[in-house]
C-alpha atoms as a PDB file:
ATOM      1  CA  MET A   1      45.157 -63.075  98.784  1.00  0.00           C
ATOM      2  CA  ALA A   2      46.183 -60.401  96.346  1.00  0.00           C
ATOM      3  CA  VAL A   3      49.593 -60.858  94.694  1.00  0.00           C
ATOM      4  CA  LYS A   4      52.122 -58.211  95.633  1.00  0.00           C
ATOM      5  CA  ASN A   5      54.163 -56.294  93.176  1.00  0.00           C
ATOM      6  CA  GLY A   6      56.603 -54.593  95.541  1.00  0.00           C
ATOM      7  CA  ASP A   7      59.226 -52.631  93.880  1.00  0.00           C
ATOM      8  CA  SER A   8      59.820 -54.883  90.999  1.00  0.00           C
ATOM      9  CA  PRO A   9      60.513 -53.057  87.609  1.00  0.00           C
ATOM     10  CA  THR A  10      58.057 -55.417  85.887  1.00  0.00           C
ATOM     11  CA  ASN A  11      54.362 -56.275  86.200  1.00  0.00           C
ATOM     12  CA  ALA A  12      55.150 -59.884  86.557  1.00  0.00           C
ATOM     13  CA  PRO A  13      53.455 -61.577  89.381  1.00  0.00           C
ATOM     14  CA  VAL A  14      55.837 -61.925  92.432  1.00  0.00           C
ATOM     15  CA  LEU A  15      55.748 -63.439  95.905  1.00  0.00           C
ATOM     16  CA  ALA A  16      52.355 -63.570  97.801  1.00  0.00           C
ATOM     17  CA  THR A  17      53.395 -65.267 100.964  1.00  0.00           C
ATOM     18  CA  LEU A  18      56.519 -66.891 102.505  1.00  0.00           C
ATOM     19  CA  SER A  19      56.774 -69.572 105.167  1.00  0.00           C
ATOM     20  CA  PRO A  20      59.896 -70.175 107.323  1.00  0.00           C
ATOM     21  CA  SER A  21      60.348 -73.719 105.811  1.00  0.00           C
ATOM     22  CA  ARG A  22      60.172 -72.196 102.363  1.00  0.00           C
ATOM     23  CA  ALA A  23      62.602 -69.416 103.239  1.00  0.00           C
ATOM     24  CA  SER A  24      64.994 -71.996 104.596  1.00  0.00           C
ATOM     25  CA  ASP A  25      64.609 -74.003 101.308  1.00  0.00           C
ATOM     26  CA  PHE A  26      65.572 -70.949  99.305  1.00  0.00           C
ATOM     27  CA  LYS A  27      68.597 -70.406 101.561  1.00  0.00           C
ATOM     28  CA  THR A  28      69.602 -73.983 101.013  1.00  0.00           C
ATOM     29  CA  CYS A  29      69.196 -73.969  97.251  1.00  0.00           C
ATOM     30  CA  PRO A  30      66.956 -71.746  95.088  1.00  0.00           C
ATOM     31  CA  GLN A  31      66.425 -74.771  92.694  1.00  0.00           C
ATOM     32  CA  LEU A  32      65.078 -76.682  95.584  1.00  0.00           C
ATOM     33  CA  TYR A  33      62.703 -73.832  96.428  1.00  0.00           C
ATOM     34  CA  LYS A  34      61.384 -73.751  92.810  1.00  0.00           C
ATOM     35  CA  PHE A  35      60.747 -77.577  92.875  1.00  0.00           C
ATOM     36  CA  LYS A  36      58.744 -77.319  96.024  1.00  0.00           C
ATOM     37  CA  ALA A  37      56.995 -73.857  95.883  1.00  0.00           C
ATOM     38  CA  ILE A  38      56.773 -73.129  92.264  1.00  0.00           C
ATOM     39  CA  ASP A  39      56.497 -76.364  90.494  1.00  0.00           C
ATOM     40  CA  LYS A  40      54.895 -78.056  93.472  1.00  0.00           C
ATOM     41  CA  ILE A  41      56.314 -81.379  92.570  1.00  0.00           C
ATOM     42  CA  PRO A  42      55.010 -84.135  94.845  1.00  0.00           C
ATOM     43  CA  THR A  43      57.564 -86.225  96.787  1.00  0.00           C
ATOM     44  CA  VAL A  44      57.326 -89.789  98.152  1.00  0.00           C
ATOM     45  CA  PRO A  45      56.454 -89.649 101.823  1.00  0.00           C
ATOM     46  CA  THR A  46      59.199 -90.970 104.186  1.00  0.00           C
ATOM     47  CA  ILE A  47      59.011 -92.772 107.525  1.00  0.00           C
ATOM     48  CA  HIS A  48      60.815 -89.854 108.954  1.00  0.00           C
ATOM     49  CA  GLN A  49      58.046 -87.422 107.794  1.00  0.00           C
ATOM     50  CA  ALA A  50      55.337 -89.711 109.100  1.00  0.00           C
ATOM     51  CA  ARG A  51      57.085 -89.834 112.466  1.00  0.00           C
ATOM     52  CA  GLY A  52      57.233 -86.078 112.727  1.00  0.00           C
ATOM     53  CA  THR A  53      53.722 -85.482 111.705  1.00  0.00           C
ATOM     54  CA  THR A  54      52.298 -88.088 114.089  1.00  0.00           C
ATOM     55  CA  VAL A  55      54.439 -87.133 117.027  1.00  0.00           C
ATOM     56  CA  HIS A  56      53.352 -83.447 116.622  1.00  0.00           C
ATOM     57  CA  LEU A  57      49.715 -84.420 116.529  1.00  0.00           C
ATOM     58  CA  ALA A  58      50.075 -86.657 119.564  1.00  0.00           C
ATOM     59  CA  LEU A  59      51.805 -84.011 121.611  1.00  0.00           C
ATOM     60  CA  GLU A  60      49.238 -81.328 120.506  1.00  0.00           C
ATOM     61  CA  ARG A  61      46.535 -83.605 121.811  1.00  0.00           C
ATOM     62  CA  LEU A  62      48.359 -84.410 125.020  1.00  0.00           C
ATOM     63  CA  PHE A  63      48.168 -80.717 126.067  1.00  0.00           C
ATOM     64  CA  LYS A  64      44.396 -80.732 125.473  1.00  0.00           C
ATOM     65  CA  GLU A  65      44.124 -83.353 128.185  1.00  0.00           C
ATOM     66  CA  PRO A  66      43.755 -82.321 131.963  1.00  0.00           C
ATOM     67  CA  ALA A  67      47.176 -81.839 133.444  1.00  0.00           C
ATOM     68  CA  PRO A  68      47.129 -84.936 135.585  1.00  0.00           C
ATOM     69  CA  GLN A  69      46.490 -87.117 132.619  1.00  0.00           C
ATOM     70  CA  ARG A  70      49.582 -85.915 130.722  1.00  0.00           C
ATOM     71  CA  THR A  71      51.419 -89.060 131.355  1.00  0.00           C
ATOM     72  CA  PRO A  72      53.683 -91.223 129.292  1.00  0.00           C
ATOM     73  CA  GLU A  73      51.001 -93.915 128.948  1.00  0.00           C
ATOM     74  CA  ARG A  74      48.523 -91.272 127.621  1.00  0.00           C
ATOM     75  CA  LEU A  75      51.011 -89.910 125.109  1.00  0.00           C
ATOM     76  CA  TYR A  76      51.689 -93.508 123.749  1.00  0.00           C
ATOM     77  CA  ASP A  77      47.966 -94.036 123.421  1.00  0.00           C
ATOM     78  CA  LEU A  78      47.574 -90.740 121.591  1.00  0.00           C
ATOM     79  CA  PHE A  79      50.473 -91.584 119.186  1.00  0.00           C
ATOM     80  CA  ARG A  80      48.694 -94.866 118.338  1.00  0.00           C
ATOM     81  CA  GLU A  81      45.407 -93.103 117.758  1.00  0.00           C
ATOM     82  CA  SER A  82      46.996 -90.321 115.825  1.00  0.00           C
ATOM     83  CA  TRP A  83      48.833 -92.892 113.629  1.00  0.00           C
ATOM     84  CA  VAL A  84      45.641 -94.776 112.856  1.00  0.00           C
ATOM     85  CA  GLU A  85      44.080 -91.542 111.618  1.00  0.00           C
ATOM     86  CA  LEU A  86      47.004 -90.346 109.593  1.00  0.00           C
ATOM     87  CA  ARG A  87      48.040 -93.847 108.076  1.00  0.00           C
ATOM     88  CA  GLN A  88      44.703 -94.026 106.207  1.00  0.00           C
ATOM     89  CA  ARG A  89      44.594 -90.581 105.009  1.00  0.00           C
ATOM     90  CA  GLU A  90      48.217 -89.649 104.225  1.00  0.00           C
ATOM     91  CA  TYR A  91      50.523 -92.680 104.509  1.00  0.00           C
ATOM     92  CA  PRO A  92      48.436 -95.643 103.229  1.00  0.00           C
ATOM     93  CA  ASP A  93      51.437 -97.278 101.366  1.00  0.00           C
ATOM     94  CA  LEU A  94      54.396 -96.354 103.494  1.00  0.00           C
ATOM     95  CA  PHE A  95      55.273 -99.769 104.738  1.00  0.00           C
ATOM     96  CA  ASP A  96      55.782-102.953 102.909  1.00  0.00           C
ATOM     97  CA  SER A  97      54.971-105.142 105.826  1.00  0.00           C
ATOM     98  CA  VAL A  98      53.387-105.270 109.199  1.00  0.00           C
ATOM     99  CA  GLU A  99      56.730-106.109 110.657  1.00  0.00           C
ATOM    100  CA  GLU A 100      58.192-102.782 109.269  1.00  0.00           C
ATOM    101  CA  GLU A 101      55.452-100.775 110.569  1.00  0.00           C
ATOM    102  CA  ARG A 102      55.673-102.395 113.977  1.00  0.00           C
ATOM    103  CA  THR A 103      59.442-101.680 114.230  1.00  0.00           C
ATOM    104  CA  TRP A 104      58.898 -98.092 113.204  1.00  0.00           C
ATOM    105  CA  GLY A 105      56.063 -97.671 115.794  1.00  0.00           C
ATOM    106  CA  ILE A 106      58.226 -99.218 118.681  1.00  0.00           C
ATOM    107  CA  GLU A 107      61.221 -96.881 117.681  1.00  0.00           C
ATOM    108  CA  THR A 108      58.939 -93.903 117.837  1.00  0.00           C
ATOM    109  CA  LEU A 109      57.392 -94.879 121.234  1.00  0.00           C
ATOM    110  CA  ASN A 110      60.854 -95.355 122.735  1.00  0.00           C
ATOM    111  CA  MET A 111      61.668 -91.731 121.420  1.00  0.00           C
ATOM    112  CA  LEU A 112      58.570 -90.402 122.872  1.00  0.00           C
ATOM    113  CA  ALA A 113      59.524 -91.721 126.320  1.00  0.00           C
ATOM    114  CA  THR A 114      62.567 -89.470 126.201  1.00  0.00           C
ATOM    115  CA  TYR A 115      60.215 -86.434 126.044  1.00  0.00           C
ATOM    116  CA  PHE A 116      59.412 -86.509 129.726  1.00  0.00           C
ATOM    117  CA  SER A 117      63.052 -86.090 130.460  1.00  0.00           C
ATOM    118  CA  LEU A 118      63.035 -82.819 128.821  1.00  0.00           C
ATOM    119  CA  GLU A 119      59.935 -81.261 130.575  1.00  0.00           C
ATOM    120  CA  ASP A 120      56.865 -82.086 132.681  1.00  0.00           C
ATOM    121  CA  PRO A 121      53.820 -81.449 130.552  1.00  0.00           C
ATOM    122  CA  SER A 122      51.522 -81.388 133.523  1.00  0.00           C
ATOM    123  CA  SER A 123      53.412 -78.465 135.028  1.00  0.00           C
ATOM    124  CA  PHE A 124      52.076 -75.727 132.751  1.00  0.00           C
ATOM    125  CA  GLU A 125      49.379 -74.681 130.301  1.00  0.00           C
ATOM    126  CA  PRO A 126      50.427 -73.547 126.939  1.00  0.00           C
ATOM    127  CA  LEU A 127      49.022 -70.382 125.579  1.00  0.00           C
ATOM    128  CA  ALA A 128      48.848 -71.772 122.074  1.00  0.00           C
ATOM    129  CA  LEU A 129      49.206 -74.922 120.210  1.00  0.00           C
ATOM    130  CA  GLU A 130      49.796 -75.420 116.338  1.00  0.00           C
ATOM    131  CA  MET A 131      49.043 -71.648 116.022  1.00  0.00           C
ATOM    132  CA  ASP A 132      48.267 -70.892 112.377  1.00  0.00           C
ATOM    133  CA  LEU A 133      49.775 -67.566 111.541  1.00  0.00           C
ATOM    134  CA  LEU A 134      49.492 -65.163 108.658  1.00  0.00           C
ATOM    135  CA  VAL A 135      51.201 -61.877 109.404  1.00  0.00           C
ATOM    136  CA  ASP A 136      52.114 -58.748 107.475  1.00  0.00           C
ATOM    137  CA  VAL A 137      55.746 -57.667 108.349  1.00  0.00           C
ATOM    138  CA  GLY A 138      56.583 -54.565 106.363  1.00  0.00           C
ATOM    139  CA  ASN A 139      55.780 -55.387 102.665  1.00  0.00           C
ATOM    140  CA  MET A 140      56.018 -59.177 103.264  1.00  0.00           C
ATOM    141  CA  THR A 141      53.277 -61.541 104.355  1.00  0.00           C
ATOM    142  CA  ILE A 142      54.627 -64.354 106.378  1.00  0.00           C
ATOM    143  CA  ARG A 143      52.757 -67.642 107.050  1.00  0.00           C
ATOM    144  CA  GLY A 144      53.502 -70.669 109.208  1.00  0.00           C
ATOM    145  CA  ILE A 145      52.327 -72.962 112.028  1.00  0.00           C
ATOM    146  CA  LEU A 146      53.952 -72.502 115.494  1.00  0.00           C
ATOM    147  CA  ASP A 147      54.126 -75.612 117.550  1.00  0.00           C
ATOM    148  CA  ARG A 148      53.775 -74.244 120.856  1.00  0.00           C
ATOM    149  CA  MET A 149      53.944 -70.939 122.891  1.00  0.00           C
ATOM    150  CA  GLU A 150      53.740 -70.702 126.710  1.00  0.00           C
ATOM    151  CA  GLU A 151      54.124 -67.949 129.319  1.00  0.00           C
ATOM    152  CA  VAL A 152      56.696 -68.617 132.051  1.00  0.00           C
ATOM    153  CA  THR A 153      58.046 -66.688 135.137  1.00  0.00           C
ATOM    154  CA  ASP A 154      61.718 -66.411 134.962  1.00  0.00           C
ATOM    155  CA  THR A 155      64.705 -63.986 135.953  1.00  0.00           C
ATOM    156  CA  GLY A 156      65.407 -61.200 133.461  1.00  0.00           C
ATOM    157  CA  PRO A 157      68.795 -59.810 132.538  1.00  0.00           C
ATOM    158  CA  ASP A 158      68.274 -57.308 135.330  1.00  0.00           C
ATOM    159  CA  GLY A 159      67.853 -59.952 137.851  1.00  0.00           C
ATOM    160  CA  GLU A 160      64.190 -59.138 138.370  1.00  0.00           C
ATOM    161  CA  LYS A 161      61.382 -61.670 138.024  1.00  0.00           C
ATOM    162  CA  ARG A 162      59.396 -61.266 134.875  1.00  0.00           C
ATOM    163  CA  THR A 163      56.577 -62.946 132.943  1.00  0.00           C
ATOM    164  CA  ALA A 164      58.056 -63.999 129.597  1.00  0.00           C
ATOM    165  CA  LEU A 165      56.768 -65.736 126.396  1.00  0.00           C
ATOM    166  CA  VAL A 166      58.541 -68.853 125.245  1.00  0.00           C
ATOM    167  CA  ILE A 167      58.362 -70.397 121.816  1.00  0.00           C
ATOM    168  CA  THR A 168      58.905 -74.175 121.732  1.00  0.00           C
ATOM    169  CA  ASP A 169      59.483 -76.453 118.655  1.00  0.00           C
ATOM    170  CA  TYR A 170      59.609 -80.191 118.633  1.00  0.00           C
ATOM    171  CA  LYS A 171      62.079 -82.048 116.469  1.00  0.00           C
ATOM    172  CA  THR A 172      62.030 -85.831 115.754  1.00  0.00           C
ATOM    173  CA  GLY A 173      65.350 -85.829 113.781  1.00  0.00           C
ATOM    174  CA  LYS A 174      68.776 -86.052 115.264  1.00  0.00           C
ATOM    175  CA  ALA A 175      70.170 -82.869 116.997  1.00  0.00           C
ATOM    176  CA  PRO A 176      72.885 -80.955 115.251  1.00  0.00           C
ATOM    177  CA  GLY A 177      76.085 -80.573 117.084  1.00  0.00           C
ATOM    178  CA  GLU A 178      76.251 -77.646 119.415  1.00  0.00           C
ATOM    179  CA  ARG A 179      78.547 -75.640 117.092  1.00  0.00           C
ATOM    180  CA  TYR A 180      75.620 -75.710 114.395  1.00  0.00           C
ATOM    181  CA  ALA A 181      72.711 -75.345 116.777  1.00  0.00           C
ATOM    182  CA  ASN A 182      72.361 -71.617 116.213  1.00  0.00           C
ATOM    183  CA  LYS A 183      71.477 -72.268 112.449  1.00  0.00           C
ATOM    184  CA  SER A 184      68.537 -74.479 113.647  1.00  0.00           C
ATOM    185  CA  PHE A 185      66.888 -71.521 115.321  1.00  0.00           C
ATOM    186  CA  PHE A 186      66.289 -69.681 111.988  1.00  0.00           C
ATOM    187  CA  ALA A 187      62.494 -70.687 111.801  1.00  0.00           C
ATOM    188  CA  LEU A 188      61.821 -69.864 115.327  1.00  0.00           C
ATOM    189  CA  LYS A 189      63.351 -66.546 115.086  1.00  0.00           C
ATOM    190  CA  ILE A 190      60.984 -65.853 112.295  1.00  0.00           C
ATOM    191  CA  TYR A 191      58.034 -66.950 114.519  1.00  0.00           C
ATOM    192  CA  ALA A 192      59.279 -64.727 117.382  1.00  0.00           C
ATOM    193  CA  LEU A 193      59.324 -61.961 114.950  1.00  0.00           C
ATOM    194  CA  LEU A 194      55.644 -62.660 113.916  1.00  0.00           C
ATOM    195  CA  ILE A 195      54.540 -62.743 117.666  1.00  0.00           C
ATOM    196  CA  ARG A 196      56.347 -59.448 118.255  1.00  0.00           C
ATOM    197  CA  THR A 197      54.496 -57.870 115.268  1.00  0.00           C
ATOM    198  CA  MET A 198      51.060 -59.293 116.259  1.00  0.00           C
ATOM    199  CA  ARG A 199      51.313 -58.753 120.046  1.00  0.00           C
ATOM    200  CA  GLY A 200      53.919 -55.944 120.465  1.00  0.00           C
ATOM    201  CA  VAL A 201      55.720 -58.248 122.971  1.00  0.00           C
ATOM    202  CA  THR A 202      59.104 -59.766 122.226  1.00  0.00           C
ATOM    203  CA  PRO A 203      59.397 -63.402 123.201  1.00  0.00           C
ATOM    204  CA  ALA A 204      62.091 -64.002 125.662  1.00  0.00           C
ATOM    205  CA  LYS A 205      63.378 -67.421 124.849  1.00  0.00           C
ATOM    206  CA  LEU A 206      63.286 -70.100 121.936  1.00  0.00           C
ATOM    207  CA  ARG A 207      63.514 -73.792 122.646  1.00  0.00           C
ATOM    208  CA  LEU A 208      64.147 -76.618 120.288  1.00  0.00           C
ATOM    209  CA  LEU A 209      63.398 -80.050 121.742  1.00  0.00           C
ATOM    210  CA  TYR A 210      65.131 -82.865 119.947  1.00  0.00           C
ATOM    211  CA  LEU A 211      63.271 -86.074 121.183  1.00  0.00           C
ATOM    212  CA  LYS A 212      65.823 -88.236 119.531  1.00  0.00           C
ATOM    213  CA  GLY A 213      68.688 -88.095 122.045  1.00  0.00           C
ATOM    214  CA  PRO A 214      67.117 -86.327 123.759  1.00  0.00           C
ATOM    215  CA  THR A 215      68.634 -82.744 123.528  1.00  0.00           C
ATOM    216  CA  GLU A 216      67.368 -79.347 124.359  1.00  0.00           C
ATOM    217  CA  TYR A 217      68.710 -76.075 122.741  1.00  0.00           C
ATOM    218  CA  THR A 218      67.655 -72.754 124.001  1.00  0.00           C
ATOM    219  CA  MET A 219      68.291 -69.174 122.713  1.00  0.00           C
ATOM    220  CA  GLU A 220      67.606 -65.917 124.559  1.00  0.00           C
ATOM    221  CA  VAL A 221      65.866 -63.435 122.214  1.00  0.00           C
ATOM    222  CA  THR A 222      66.509 -59.701 121.900  1.00  0.00           C
ATOM    223  CA  ASP A 223      64.815 -56.956 119.789  1.00  0.00           C
ATOM    224  CA  ALA A 224      68.152 -56.517 118.064  1.00  0.00           C
ATOM    225  CA  GLN A 225      68.125 -60.273 116.963  1.00  0.00           C
ATOM    226  CA  LEU A 226      64.584 -59.873 115.645  1.00  0.00           C
ATOM    227  CA  ASP A 227      65.378 -56.577 113.782  1.00  0.00           C
ATOM    228  CA  ALA A 228      68.269 -58.535 112.067  1.00  0.00           C
ATOM    229  CA  THR A 229      65.890 -61.469 111.354  1.00  0.00           C
ATOM    230  CA  GLU A 230      63.383 -59.045 109.724  1.00  0.00           C
ATOM    231  CA  LYS A 231      66.243 -57.539 107.490  1.00  0.00           C
ATOM    232  CA  HIS A 232      67.402 -61.056 106.592  1.00  0.00           C
ATOM    233  CA  LEU A 233      63.934 -62.146 105.786  1.00  0.00           C
ATOM    234  CA  GLY A 234      63.435 -59.090 103.632  1.00  0.00           C
ATOM    235  CA  ALA A 235      66.553 -59.858 101.660  1.00  0.00           C
ATOM    236  CA  LEU A 236      65.262 -63.398 101.090  1.00  0.00           C
ATOM    237  CA  TRP A 237      61.849 -62.062 100.020  1.00  0.00           C
ATOM    238  CA  SER A 238      63.581 -59.833  97.560  1.00  0.00           C
ATOM    239  CA  ALA A 239      65.833 -62.613  96.235  1.00  0.00           C
ATOM    240  CA  ILE A 240      62.875 -64.884  95.704  1.00  0.00           C
ATOM    241  CA  GLU A 241      60.946 -62.153  93.813  1.00  0.00           C
ATOM    242  CA  ARG A 242      64.008 -61.507  91.579  1.00  0.00           C
ATOM    243  CA  ALA A 243      64.239 -65.267  90.919  1.00  0.00           C
ATOM    244  CA  ILE A 244      60.405 -65.469  90.021  1.00  0.00           C
ATOM    245  CA  ILE A 245      60.657 -62.587  87.742  1.00  0.00           C
ATOM    246  CA  THR A 246      63.712 -63.669  85.860  1.00  0.00           C
ATOM    247  CA  ASP A 247      63.075 -67.470  86.249  1.00  0.00           C
ATOM    248  CA  ASN A 248      66.606 -67.835  87.406  1.00  0.00           C
ATOM    249  CA  TRP A 249      66.933 -70.659  89.993  1.00  0.00           C
ATOM    250  CA  PRO A 250      70.615 -71.609  90.578  1.00  0.00           C
ATOM    251  CA  ALA A 251      71.241 -74.934  92.020  1.00  0.00           C
ATOM    252  CA  LYS A 252      73.446 -74.875  95.124  1.00  0.00           C
ATOM    253  CA  VAL A 253      75.584 -78.078  95.473  1.00  0.00           C
ATOM    254  CA  SER A 254      76.374 -79.036  99.023  1.00  0.00           C
ATOM    255  CA  ALA A 255      76.496 -81.970 101.335  1.00  0.00           C
ATOM    256  CA  LEU A 256      72.740 -81.414 101.784  1.00  0.00           C
ATOM    257  CA  CYS A 257      72.112 -82.543  98.293  1.00  0.00           C
ATOM    258  CA  ASN A 258      72.481 -86.197  99.611  1.00  0.00           C
ATOM    259  CA  TRP A 259      69.033 -85.717 101.533  1.00  0.00           C
ATOM    260  CA  CYS A 260      67.426 -83.983  98.450  1.00  0.00           C
ATOM    261  CA  ASP A 261      64.325 -85.673  96.897  1.00  0.00           C
ATOM    262  CA  PHE A 262      65.190 -84.192  93.440  1.00  0.00           C
ATOM    263  CA  LYS A 263      68.965 -85.055  93.268  1.00  0.00           C
ATOM    264  CA  ASP A 264      68.555 -88.430  91.451  1.00  0.00           C
ATOM    265  CA  THR A 265      65.628 -87.247  89.121  1.00  0.00           C
ATOM    266  CA  LEU A 266      65.345 -83.584  88.225  1.00  0.00           C
ATOM    267  CA  CYS A 267      68.117 -81.315  89.726  1.00  0.00           C
ATOM    268  CA  PRO A 268      70.241 -79.871  86.866  1.00  0.00           C
ATOM    269  CA  ALA A 269      73.355 -79.703  89.007  1.00  0.00           C
ATOM    270  CA  TRP A 270      73.365 -83.472  89.104  1.00  0.00           C
ATOM    271  CA  GLU A 271      72.324 -84.090  85.536  1.00  0.00           C
ATOM    272  CA  ASN A 272      76.075 -85.014  84.506  1.00  0.00           C
ATOM    273  CA  GLU A 273      76.316 -87.476  87.458  1.00  0.00           C
ATOM    274  CA  ARG A 274      73.082 -89.134  86.464  1.00  0.00           C
ATOM    275  CA  THR A 275      74.315 -89.642  82.892  1.00  0.00           C
ATOM    276  CA  ALA A 276      78.132 -89.677  83.153  1.00  0.00           C
ATOM    277  CA  GLY A 277      79.122 -89.589  86.870  1.00  0.00           C
ATOM    278  CA  SER A 278      80.061 -86.162  87.952  1.00  0.00           C
ATOM    279  CA  PRO A 279      77.948 -83.064  89.222  1.00  0.00           C
ATOM    280  CA  SER A 280      78.265 -79.735  87.505  1.00  0.00           C
ATOM    281  CA  ASP A 281      79.149 -76.664  89.441  1.00  0.00           C
ATOM    282  CA  GLY A 282      75.444 -75.598  89.404  1.00  0.00           C
END
């Protein structure tokens, strides 16, 4: 894909594409974005990443089964099959012992059992699974993979029955508290914007299914929300372009640093603590 030059005052290469996850990284910390998207520094896989990847693959395959076969037992088998495939290719050295791997597997199977309390996968047919998107929105090119989209019949704001698009995302981590839940819809609002751009139809609802708990959060979608999302995304796009051109990537110190792969090794905001015991203001 050709690199875009946008409205930048120089001829320096600027942003070509942006995904919801990288946009979220930049919002969290520009330096984190640089480490991941610009420097492409590899990180050590974790058991949590392995769980998320394997569960997503198993659920995708579950919906490719005939509806009557979408049972807990079949999902457990698909998880085991998916893990055998992914372990060899992506996570060969993840566990130090068979016992550790077995404990992780049992914990994941127990979590998958809770999925069926959130929805009945035999009761509907998704329109799309793991939908690979690359969409031009204004002067931006946004890419990403949407977990699932389905069409449902529900009651609209006017009280009339309607056919509506619903975007669903699975999460294997712990659900945030309800007061923080709206922030978790950032990526799904971007996906809803992409669907509206592609299809000319505004999805009616977003769903986050946290299997650990389990917890379901939903959000009704309006065109005004998606217009605001497009404006927000455009501001992030411009800010990333400026950071690329100026090579200025300020680190943002927050509680989230405790989960950052780069805090103890590369992040300049924590250099003082690594050497003397206190973070800089970044």
